[in-house]
């Protein structure tokens, strides 16, 4: 069974590195169809959508949107988690 993963900050340095590693992986659980990348701007969304992955615009300050995005996936890769006050409380 494929593993659905959400990567926040996928257009940034760390999130982009995680995304690149996943896309380069030969692990059959990490198929492009099951990778979602969360970004802040439409420009970032347009650039990453060319990689053949699901891209969503997400404001980490919008708790409802974050919860909805997480619930649709099996795991979350979030480089911001240790730096975002509301996520560490």
C-alpha atoms as a PDB file:
ATOM      1  CA  UNK A   1       0.000   0.000   0.000  1.00  0.00           C
ATOM      2  CA  UNK A   2       1.307   3.433  -0.944  1.00  0.00           C
ATOM      3  CA  UNK A   3       2.149   5.919   1.791  1.00  0.00           C
ATOM      4  CA  UNK A   4       0.669   9.436   1.415  1.00  0.00           C
ATOM      5  CA  UNK A   5       3.046  12.102   2.679  1.00  0.00           C
ATOM      6  CA  UNK A   6       2.703  15.875   3.064  1.00  0.00           C
ATOM      7  CA  UNK A   7       5.846  18.012   2.982  1.00  0.00           C
ATOM      8  CA  UNK A   8       5.451  21.559   4.295  1.00  0.00           C
ATOM      9  CA  UNK A   9       7.883  24.234   3.194  1.00  0.00           C
ATOM     10  CA  UNK A  10       8.584  22.185   0.073  1.00  0.00           C
ATOM     11  CA  UNK A  11       9.856  25.236  -1.822  1.00  0.00           C
ATOM     12  CA  UNK A  12      12.374  26.085   0.893  1.00  0.00           C
ATOM     13  CA  UNK A  13      15.880  24.779   1.445  1.00  0.00           C
ATOM     14  CA  UNK A  14      15.151  21.975   3.921  1.00  0.00           C
ATOM     15  CA  UNK A  15      11.659  21.102   2.658  1.00  0.00           C
ATOM     16  CA  UNK A  16      12.969  21.161  -0.907  1.00  0.00           C
ATOM     17  CA  UNK A  17      15.787  18.795   0.069  1.00  0.00           C
ATOM     18  CA  UNK A  18      13.288  16.404   1.661  1.00  0.00           C
ATOM     19  CA  UNK A  19      11.133  16.585  -1.475  1.00  0.00           C
ATOM     20  CA  UNK A  20      14.133  15.933  -3.737  1.00  0.00           C
ATOM     21  CA  UNK A  21      15.158  12.917  -1.638  1.00  0.00           C
ATOM     22  CA  UNK A  22      11.645  11.475  -1.807  1.00  0.00           C
ATOM     23  CA  UNK A  23      11.409  11.988  -5.571  1.00  0.00           C
ATOM     24  CA  UNK A  24      14.808  10.344  -6.084  1.00  0.00           C
ATOM     25  CA  UNK A  25      13.913   7.406  -3.843  1.00  0.00           C
ATOM     26  CA  UNK A  26      13.435   3.967  -5.340  1.00  0.00           C
ATOM     27  CA  UNK A  27      11.151   3.068  -2.430  1.00  0.00           C
ATOM     28  CA  UNK A  28       7.865   1.885  -3.979  1.00  0.00           C
ATOM     29  CA  UNK A  29       5.943   3.469  -1.109  1.00  0.00           C
ATOM     30  CA  UNK A  30       7.032   6.956  -2.206  1.00  0.00           C
ATOM     31  CA  UNK A  31       5.298   7.343  -5.555  1.00  0.00           C
ATOM     32  CA  UNK A  32       4.832  10.822  -7.032  1.00  0.00           C
ATOM     33  CA  UNK A  33       1.062  10.413  -6.867  1.00  0.00           C
ATOM     34  CA  UNK A  34       1.285  10.085  -3.088  1.00  0.00           C
ATOM     35  CA  UNK A  35       3.506  13.089  -2.377  1.00  0.00           C
ATOM     36  CA  UNK A  36       1.894  16.428  -1.542  1.00  0.00           C
ATOM     37  CA  UNK A  37       3.941  19.584  -1.250  1.00  0.00           C
ATOM     38  CA  UNK A  38       2.658  22.530   0.786  1.00  0.00           C
ATOM     39  CA  UNK A  39       3.881  25.988  -0.221  1.00  0.00           C
ATOM     40  CA  UNK A  40       2.965  29.585   0.563  1.00  0.00           C
ATOM     41  CA  UNK A  41       2.775  31.294  -2.824  1.00  0.00           C
ATOM     42  CA  UNK A  42       1.143  30.617  -6.165  1.00  0.00           C
ATOM     43  CA  UNK A  43       4.543  31.076  -7.840  1.00  0.00           C
ATOM     44  CA  UNK A  44       5.980  28.259  -5.702  1.00  0.00           C
ATOM     45  CA  UNK A  45       2.943  26.091  -6.417  1.00  0.00           C
ATOM     46  CA  UNK A  46       3.310  26.617 -10.160  1.00  0.00           C
ATOM     47  CA  UNK A  47       7.015  25.712 -10.078  1.00  0.00           C
ATOM     48  CA  UNK A  48       6.583  22.526  -8.020  1.00  0.00           C
ATOM     49  CA  UNK A  49       3.514  21.319  -9.922  1.00  0.00           C
ATOM     50  CA  UNK A  50       5.825  20.739 -12.905  1.00  0.00           C
ATOM     51  CA  UNK A  51       7.363  17.856 -10.910  1.00  0.00           C
ATOM     52  CA  UNK A  52       4.168  15.824 -11.224  1.00  0.00           C
ATOM     53  CA  UNK A  53       3.233  15.959  -7.547  1.00  0.00           C
ATOM     54  CA  UNK A  54       0.198  17.330  -5.737  1.00  0.00           C
ATOM     55  CA  UNK A  55       0.872  20.912  -4.628  1.00  0.00           C
ATOM     56  CA  UNK A  56      -1.266  22.891  -2.206  1.00  0.00           C
ATOM     57  CA  UNK A  57      -1.018  26.461  -0.976  1.00  0.00           C
ATOM     58  CA  UNK A  58      -1.018  26.410   2.800  1.00  0.00           C
ATOM     59  CA  UNK A  59      -0.697  29.084   5.466  1.00  0.00           C
ATOM     60  CA  UNK A  60       0.732  27.429   8.593  1.00  0.00           C
ATOM     61  CA  UNK A  61      -1.013  30.103  10.637  1.00  0.00           C
ATOM     62  CA  UNK A  62      -4.413  28.815   9.478  1.00  0.00           C
ATOM     63  CA  UNK A  63      -5.022  25.979  11.933  1.00  0.00           C
ATOM     64  CA  UNK A  64      -8.121  24.617  10.165  1.00  0.00           C
ATOM     65  CA  UNK A  65      -6.346  24.449   6.801  1.00  0.00           C
ATOM     66  CA  UNK A  66      -3.318  22.755   8.370  1.00  0.00           C
ATOM     67  CA  UNK A  67      -5.477  20.131  10.106  1.00  0.00           C
ATOM     68  CA  UNK A  68      -7.387  19.451   6.873  1.00  0.00           C
ATOM     69  CA  UNK A  69      -4.136  19.034   4.935  1.00  0.00           C
ATOM     70  CA  UNK A  70      -2.650  16.689   7.535  1.00  0.00           C
ATOM     71  CA  UNK A  71      -5.753  14.509   7.811  1.00  0.00           C
ATOM     72  CA  UNK A  72      -5.542  13.632   4.119  1.00  0.00           C
ATOM     73  CA  UNK A  73      -2.085  12.076   4.521  1.00  0.00           C
ATOM     74  CA  UNK A  74      -0.360   9.252   6.377  1.00  0.00           C
ATOM     75  CA  UNK A  75       2.640  11.302   7.487  1.00  0.00           C
ATOM     76  CA  UNK A  76       3.896  14.850   7.733  1.00  0.00           C
ATOM     77  CA  UNK A  77       7.404  16.098   6.986  1.00  0.00           C
ATOM     78  CA  UNK A  78       7.601  19.604   8.420  1.00  0.00           C
ATOM     79  CA  UNK A  79      10.957  21.346   8.760  1.00  0.00           C
ATOM     80  CA  UNK A  80       9.138  24.325  10.328  1.00  0.00           C
ATOM     81  CA  UNK A  81       7.717  22.322  13.236  1.00  0.00           C
ATOM     82  CA  UNK A  82      10.603  23.165  15.553  1.00  0.00           C
ATOM     83  CA  UNK A  83      10.462  26.853  14.616  1.00  0.00           C
ATOM     84  CA  UNK A  84       6.717  27.575  14.560  1.00  0.00           C
ATOM     85  CA  UNK A  85       5.523  28.547  18.051  1.00  0.00           C
ATOM     86  CA  UNK A  86       1.962  27.277  17.652  1.00  0.00           C
ATOM     87  CA  UNK A  87       3.209  23.852  16.562  1.00  0.00           C
ATOM     88  CA  UNK A  88       5.536  23.383  19.533  1.00  0.00           C
ATOM     89  CA  UNK A  89       3.143  24.266  22.362  1.00  0.00           C
END
